[in-house]
Amino acid sequence: MANDLVTLTEAAKRIGTTTFTLRRRIAEGELDAFANPLDRRARLVRAADLERYAAIRPLTGDHHDATDATPLMAS
C-alpha cells in the first residue's frame, strides 16, 4: 500500500497538521502532489511520501520566529 494516494484532508489528519501547511509545503516543492482524477481541482499525496517527509521535517505548527519573517510589502 506504499503507493496509496490520500486527500490533503486525510493527509493532514494522519500527521497532525493543517491542509494549509500541506499546501504551502507543496507550493514550496517540498512535497509532491497529484491531481485527483475525479476532481482536477483537488490534490492527492502519496501516503508513503507524506510519512517519509513528516519523519524528516515536522509539519505541525505554523509558527515562525521573527528571523523567518518575510516582509509583506517592499519598503
N, C-alpha and C. Protein backbone atom coordinates (compact mmCIF):
# COMPACT_ATOMS: atom_id res chain seq x y z
N MET A 1 0.81 -1.20 0.00
CA MET A 1 0.00 0.00 0.00
C MET A 1 0.85 1.27 0.00
N ALA A 2 2.10 1.12 -0.36
CA ALA A 2 3.03 2.26 -0.34
C ALA A 2 2.65 3.34 -1.34
N ASN A 3 1.92 2.99 -2.39
CA ASN A 3 1.55 3.97 -3.40
C ASN A 3 0.14 4.50 -3.22
N ASP A 4 -0.48 4.28 -2.04
CA ASP A 4 -1.81 4.80 -1.79
C ASP A 4 -1.79 6.32 -1.86
N LEU A 5 -2.80 6.88 -2.51
CA LEU A 5 -2.95 8.33 -2.57
C LEU A 5 -4.05 8.74 -1.61
N VAL A 6 -3.81 9.82 -0.88
CA VAL A 6 -4.80 10.33 0.06
C VAL A 6 -5.04 11.80 -0.21
N THR A 7 -6.22 12.26 0.18
CA THR A 7 -6.55 13.67 0.02
C THR A 7 -5.73 14.49 1.01
N LEU A 8 -5.67 15.79 0.78
CA LEU A 8 -4.94 16.65 1.70
C LEU A 8 -5.60 16.65 3.08
N THR A 9 -6.91 16.54 3.13
CA THR A 9 -7.61 16.48 4.41
C THR A 9 -7.19 15.24 5.18
N GLU A 10 -7.19 14.09 4.51
CA GLU A 10 -6.76 12.85 5.16
C GLU A 10 -5.29 12.91 5.54
N ALA A 11 -4.47 13.46 4.67
CA ALA A 11 -3.04 13.57 4.95
C ALA A 11 -2.79 14.44 6.18
N ALA A 12 -3.50 15.55 6.29
CA ALA A 12 -3.35 16.44 7.43
C ALA A 12 -3.73 15.72 8.73
N LYS A 13 -4.81 14.96 8.69
CA LYS A 13 -5.23 14.22 9.87
C LYS A 13 -4.18 13.18 10.27
N ARG A 14 -3.61 12.51 9.29
CA ARG A 14 -2.64 11.45 9.57
C ARG A 14 -1.40 11.95 10.29
N ILE A 15 -0.95 13.15 9.93
CA ILE A 15 0.29 13.64 10.54
C ILE A 15 0.07 14.79 11.52
N GLY A 16 -1.18 15.14 11.76
CA GLY A 16 -1.48 16.15 12.77
C GLY A 16 -1.11 17.56 12.40
N THR A 17 -1.45 17.95 11.19
CA THR A 17 -1.20 19.33 10.75
C THR A 17 -2.44 19.85 10.03
N THR A 18 -2.30 20.95 9.35
CA THR A 18 -3.43 21.53 8.62
C THR A 18 -3.23 21.36 7.12
N THR A 19 -4.33 21.47 6.38
CA THR A 19 -4.22 21.43 4.92
C THR A 19 -3.47 22.66 4.41
N PHE A 20 -3.59 23.77 5.14
CA PHE A 20 -2.86 24.98 4.76
C PHE A 20 -1.35 24.71 4.76
N THR A 21 -0.86 24.06 5.81
CA THR A 21 0.56 23.74 5.90
C THR A 21 0.98 22.82 4.76
N LEU A 22 0.15 21.81 4.49
CA LEU A 22 0.48 20.89 3.39
C LEU A 22 0.51 21.61 2.05
N ARG A 23 -0.45 22.49 1.82
CA ARG A 23 -0.47 23.24 0.55
C ARG A 23 0.78 24.12 0.41
N ARG A 24 1.20 24.70 1.52
CA ARG A 24 2.41 25.53 1.48
C ARG A 24 3.63 24.66 1.17
N ARG A 25 3.74 23.50 1.79
CA ARG A 25 4.86 22.60 1.52
C ARG A 25 4.86 22.13 0.06
N ILE A 26 3.68 21.90 -0.49
CA ILE A 26 3.56 21.50 -1.90
C ILE A 26 4.02 22.66 -2.79
N ALA A 27 3.55 23.86 -2.48
CA ALA A 27 3.92 25.04 -3.27
C ALA A 27 5.42 25.30 -3.23
N GLU A 28 6.04 24.99 -2.09
CA GLU A 28 7.48 25.18 -1.94
C GLU A 28 8.29 24.04 -2.55
N GLY A 29 7.60 23.03 -3.08
CA GLY A 29 8.28 21.91 -3.73
C GLY A 29 8.83 20.87 -2.77
N GLU A 30 8.41 20.93 -1.51
CA GLU A 30 8.92 20.01 -0.51
C GLU A 30 8.13 18.70 -0.45
N LEU A 31 6.96 18.69 -1.06
CA LEU A 31 6.09 17.52 -1.05
C LEU A 31 5.38 17.47 -2.40
N ASP A 32 5.36 16.29 -3.01
CA ASP A 32 4.71 16.13 -4.32
C ASP A 32 3.21 15.93 -4.15
N ALA A 33 2.45 16.50 -5.07
CA ALA A 33 1.00 16.32 -5.08
C ALA A 33 0.56 16.02 -6.51
N PHE A 34 -0.56 15.35 -6.62
CA PHE A 34 -1.11 14.94 -7.91
C PHE A 34 -2.55 15.36 -8.01
N ALA A 35 -2.99 15.64 -9.23
CA ALA A 35 -4.39 16.00 -9.44
C ALA A 35 -5.26 14.77 -9.20
N ASN A 36 -6.38 14.98 -8.55
CA ASN A 36 -7.34 13.90 -8.33
C ASN A 36 -8.08 13.66 -9.64
N PRO A 37 -8.07 12.44 -10.17
CA PRO A 37 -8.73 12.19 -11.46
C PRO A 37 -10.25 12.39 -11.40
N LEU A 38 -10.82 12.36 -10.20
CA LEU A 38 -12.26 12.58 -10.06
C LEU A 38 -12.62 14.05 -9.89
N ASP A 39 -11.65 14.85 -9.47
CA ASP A 39 -11.86 16.28 -9.28
C ASP A 39 -10.51 16.96 -9.49
N ARG A 40 -10.27 17.49 -10.68
CA ARG A 40 -8.97 18.03 -11.06
C ARG A 40 -8.52 19.18 -10.16
N ARG A 41 -9.44 19.81 -9.45
CA ARG A 41 -9.07 20.91 -8.55
C ARG A 41 -8.46 20.39 -7.25
N ALA A 42 -8.82 19.17 -6.87
CA ALA A 42 -8.34 18.59 -5.62
C ALA A 42 -6.96 17.97 -5.82
N ARG A 43 -6.18 17.92 -4.77
CA ARG A 43 -4.84 17.36 -4.81
C ARG A 43 -4.77 16.12 -3.93
N LEU A 44 -3.91 15.18 -4.35
CA LEU A 44 -3.66 13.96 -3.61
C LEU A 44 -2.17 13.86 -3.35
N VAL A 45 -1.80 13.22 -2.26
CA VAL A 45 -0.40 12.96 -1.97
C VAL A 45 -0.22 11.47 -1.70
N ARG A 46 0.96 10.96 -2.00
CA ARG A 46 1.26 9.56 -1.69
C ARG A 46 1.45 9.42 -0.19
N ALA A 47 0.79 8.44 0.39
CA ALA A 47 0.88 8.21 1.84
C ALA A 47 2.32 7.96 2.25
N ALA A 48 3.05 7.18 1.47
CA ALA A 48 4.45 6.87 1.80
C ALA A 48 5.31 8.13 1.77
N ASP A 49 5.10 9.00 0.78
CA ASP A 49 5.85 10.26 0.69
C ASP A 49 5.55 11.14 1.90
N LEU A 50 4.29 11.19 2.26
CA LEU A 50 3.85 12.01 3.38
C LEU A 50 4.51 11.55 4.68
N GLU A 51 4.47 10.26 4.94
CA GLU A 51 5.04 9.74 6.17
C GLU A 51 6.56 9.91 6.20
N ARG A 52 7.20 9.70 5.07
CA ARG A 52 8.65 9.89 4.99
C ARG A 52 9.01 11.36 5.22
N TYR A 53 8.26 12.25 4.62
CA TYR A 53 8.53 13.67 4.76
C TYR A 53 8.27 14.14 6.19
N ALA A 54 7.19 13.66 6.79
CA ALA A 54 6.87 14.04 8.16
C ALA A 54 7.94 13.56 9.13
N ALA A 55 8.57 12.44 8.85
CA ALA A 55 9.63 11.93 9.72
C ALA A 55 10.88 12.79 9.60
N ILE A 56 11.12 13.34 8.42
CA ILE A 56 12.31 14.16 8.19
C ILE A 56 12.12 15.58 8.71
N ARG A 57 10.96 16.15 8.40
CA ARG A 57 10.70 17.54 8.76
C ARG A 57 9.29 17.65 9.33
N PRO A 58 9.17 17.96 10.60
CA PRO A 58 7.83 18.07 11.19
C PRO A 58 6.99 19.11 10.47
N LEU A 59 5.74 18.75 10.20
CA LEU A 59 4.84 19.66 9.52
C LEU A 59 3.92 20.38 10.48
N THR A 60 3.90 19.98 11.73
CA THR A 60 2.98 20.58 12.68
C THR A 60 3.46 21.96 13.08
N GLY A 61 2.52 22.80 13.41
CA GLY A 61 2.83 24.15 13.87
C GLY A 61 3.15 25.07 12.72
N ASP A 62 2.38 26.10 12.61
CA ASP A 62 2.60 27.10 11.57
C ASP A 62 3.28 28.34 12.13
N HIS A 63 3.93 28.18 13.30
CA HIS A 63 4.56 29.33 13.94
C HIS A 63 5.95 29.54 13.36
N HIS A 64 6.28 30.78 13.16
CA HIS A 64 7.59 31.15 12.66
C HIS A 64 8.23 32.09 13.66
N ASP A 65 9.53 32.01 13.80
CA ASP A 65 10.15 33.01 14.65
C ASP A 65 10.46 34.24 13.79
N ALA A 66 10.80 35.31 14.43
CA ALA A 66 10.99 36.58 13.75
C ALA A 66 12.08 36.53 12.68
N THR A 67 13.04 35.65 12.82
CA THR A 67 14.13 35.58 11.85
C THR A 67 13.66 35.00 10.53
N ASP A 68 12.52 34.27 10.53
CA ASP A 68 11.97 33.70 9.30
C ASP A 68 11.07 34.68 8.56
N ALA A 69 10.70 35.75 9.20
CA ALA A 69 9.70 36.66 8.66
C ALA A 69 10.15 37.27 7.34
N THR A 70 9.26 37.26 6.38
CA THR A 70 9.48 37.90 5.10
C THR A 70 8.54 39.09 5.03
N PRO A 71 9.03 40.26 4.71
CA PRO A 71 8.15 41.42 4.66
C PRO A 71 7.05 41.23 3.62
N LEU A 72 5.85 41.67 3.96
CA LEU A 72 4.74 41.56 3.02
C LEU A 72 4.82 42.61 1.94
N MET A 73 5.39 43.75 2.27
CA MET A 73 5.49 44.83 1.29
C MET A 73 6.92 45.35 1.28
N ALA A 74 7.40 45.67 0.11
CA ALA A 74 8.73 46.25 0.00
C ALA A 74 8.70 47.69 0.50
N SER A 75 9.72 48.09 1.18
CA SER A 75 9.78 49.47 1.69
C SER A 75 10.35 50.40 0.67
